[in-house]
Protein backbone atom coordinates (compact mmCIF):
# COMPACT_ATOMS: atom_id res chain seq x y z
CA UNK A 1 109.78 90.92 139.68
CA UNK A 2 111.98 87.92 139.74
CA UNK A 3 110.45 87.03 142.79
CA UNK A 4 106.99 86.84 141.30
CA UNK A 5 108.20 84.93 138.23
CA UNK A 6 110.81 82.64 140.13
CA UNK A 7 107.67 79.98 140.55
CA UNK A 8 106.90 80.25 136.82
CA UNK A 9 106.66 76.96 134.99
CA UNK A 10 110.30 76.28 132.89
CA UNK A 11 108.24 74.75 129.85
CA UNK A 12 107.45 76.89 127.12
CA UNK A 13 103.91 77.43 125.95
CA UNK A 14 102.11 75.16 124.07
CA UNK A 15 102.13 74.66 120.11
CA UNK A 16 100.13 72.29 118.04
CA UNK A 17 101.46 68.90 117.91
CA UNK A 18 101.12 67.17 114.81
CA UNK A 19 97.95 65.03 116.81
CA UNK A 20 96.11 68.28 117.35
CA UNK A 21 96.11 69.49 113.42
CA UNK A 22 92.98 68.89 111.59
CA UNK A 23 92.56 65.90 110.05
CA UNK A 24 89.71 67.22 107.66
CA UNK A 25 91.54 68.42 104.30
CA UNK A 26 89.56 71.67 104.35
CA UNK A 27 90.46 72.58 107.80
CA UNK A 28 94.01 71.59 107.56
CA UNK A 29 94.21 73.78 104.37
CA UNK A 30 92.75 76.68 106.35
CA UNK A 31 94.95 76.07 109.17
CA UNK A 32 98.10 76.53 106.68
CA UNK A 33 97.14 79.37 105.16
CA UNK A 34 96.94 80.77 108.45
CA UNK A 35 99.97 79.69 109.60
CA UNK A 36 101.71 83.54 109.17
CA UNK A 37 99.71 84.17 112.25
CA UNK A 38 101.64 81.49 114.45
CA UNK A 39 103.52 82.87 117.37
CA UNK A 40 107.10 81.82 118.84
CA UNK A 41 106.61 79.66 122.34
CA UNK A 42 107.49 81.60 125.52
CA UNK A 43 108.94 80.06 128.38
CA UNK A 44 107.17 80.34 131.84
CA UNK A 45 109.36 83.19 132.87
CA UNK A 46 108.68 85.15 129.73
CA UNK A 47 105.22 84.44 129.99
CA UNK A 48 105.12 85.62 133.71
CA UNK A 49 107.00 88.99 132.83
CA UNK A 50 104.52 89.66 130.07
CA UNK A 51 101.86 88.95 132.19
CA UNK A 52 103.17 91.55 134.78
CA UNK A 53 103.62 94.28 132.12
CA UNK A 54 99.86 93.45 130.59
CA UNK A 55 98.37 93.92 133.94
CA UNK A 56 100.77 97.00 134.92
CA UNK A 57 99.47 98.31 131.35
CA UNK A 58 95.75 97.90 131.88
CA UNK A 59 95.83 99.63 135.27
CA UNK A 60 97.45 102.47 133.95
CA UNK A 61 95.00 103.06 130.99
CA UNK A 62 91.79 103.71 133.17
CA UNK A 63 89.98 106.74 131.52
CA UNK A 64 92.22 106.58 128.38
CA UNK A 65 90.23 107.15 125.17
CA UNK A 66 92.42 108.62 122.41
CA UNK A 67 95.87 108.00 121.06
CA UNK A 68 97.48 111.29 122.86
CA UNK A 69 96.22 110.06 126.28
CA UNK A 70 97.46 106.22 125.36
CA UNK A 71 101.22 107.73 124.42
CA UNK A 72 101.27 109.79 127.57
CA UNK A 73 99.73 106.83 129.99
CA UNK A 74 102.35 104.62 128.23
CA UNK A 75 105.22 107.00 128.80
CA UNK A 76 104.06 107.84 132.39
CA UNK A 77 104.49 103.83 132.94
CA UNK A 78 107.76 104.05 131.74
CA UNK A 79 107.46 102.72 128.50
CA UNK A 80 109.56 105.21 126.25
CA UNK A 81 107.88 106.50 123.04
CA UNK A 82 110.49 105.11 120.64
CA UNK A 83 109.29 101.83 121.89
CA UNK A 84 105.87 101.97 121.88
CA UNK A 85 104.00 101.50 118.25
CA UNK A 86 100.28 102.78 118.16
CA UNK A 87 98.13 102.34 115.47
CA UNK A 88 94.55 102.71 113.89
CA UNK A 89 93.07 99.56 114.09
CA UNK A 90 89.98 100.32 112.02
CA UNK A 91 87.81 100.64 114.71
CA UNK A 92 86.41 103.97 115.67
CA UNK A 93 86.79 103.46 119.42
CA UNK A 94 90.41 102.31 119.53
CA UNK A 95 93.96 101.79 119.27
CA UNK A 96 96.39 98.85 119.36
CA UNK A 97 99.69 99.01 120.46
CA UNK A 98 102.65 96.90 120.85
CA UNK A 99 105.47 97.21 123.04
CA UNK A 100 108.40 94.84 121.96
CA UNK A 101 111.20 95.68 123.78
CA UNK A 102 109.42 94.43 127.11
CA UNK A 103 110.62 90.90 126.25
CA UNK A 104 107.80 89.38 124.89
CA UNK A 105 105.30 91.05 123.20
CA UNK A 106 102.31 93.09 125.19
CA UNK A 107 99.89 94.04 122.66
CA UNK A 108 96.46 95.61 123.50
CA UNK A 109 93.44 97.39 122.24
CA UNK A 110 92.32 100.60 123.70
CA UNK A 111 88.69 99.75 124.36
CA UNK A 112 85.80 100.06 127.36
CA UNK A 113 87.78 98.31 129.17
CA UNK A 114 91.23 97.94 127.63
CA UNK A 115 92.36 94.45 126.79
CA UNK A 116 96.07 93.89 127.36
CA UNK A 117 98.01 90.56 126.49
CA UNK A 118 101.36 89.14 126.32
CA UNK A 119 102.28 86.68 123.67
CA UNK A 120 105.44 85.58 121.91
CA UNK A 121 106.37 87.41 118.44
CA UNK A 122 105.16 86.22 115.26
CA UNK A 123 107.24 83.91 113.27
CA UNK A 124 106.60 86.12 110.05
CA UNK A 125 108.48 88.79 112.49
CA UNK A 126 107.42 91.45 115.08
CA UNK A 127 104.91 92.03 117.84
CA UNK A 128 102.10 92.95 115.59
CA UNK A 129 99.84 90.66 113.73
CA UNK A 130 100.77 90.18 110.09
CA UNK A 131 98.22 91.35 107.79
CA UNK A 132 98.21 88.33 105.15
CA UNK A 133 99.58 85.41 104.64
CA UNK A 134 100.53 83.42 101.29
């Protein structure tokens, strides 16, 4: 995978700058209240590796519709059970999983079709989106 990522841009993923923050007081308050969802920045190599994992996982989830089959598919793809977190999203047709040992976080929702993406760790900690802020 190093060859694929060798051409990745070196700059980290963008974070909002002060000029991009809302100027409206209410919008600024809402943004502040949702700051707990902020993700760490990823450099180009981490983005490339994470995206490669996401594509690989997406391809391996075709026809997978339940937690047992999801765990088996991820294990077959080389993601051992102890590195995979599977949890119910509250949506009857889906599960979400995180694979933090892949470098950047790789999370997804088992829907039709599966949605898988790479992202930085949440500043509150971990790969799973925090449930609440301050």
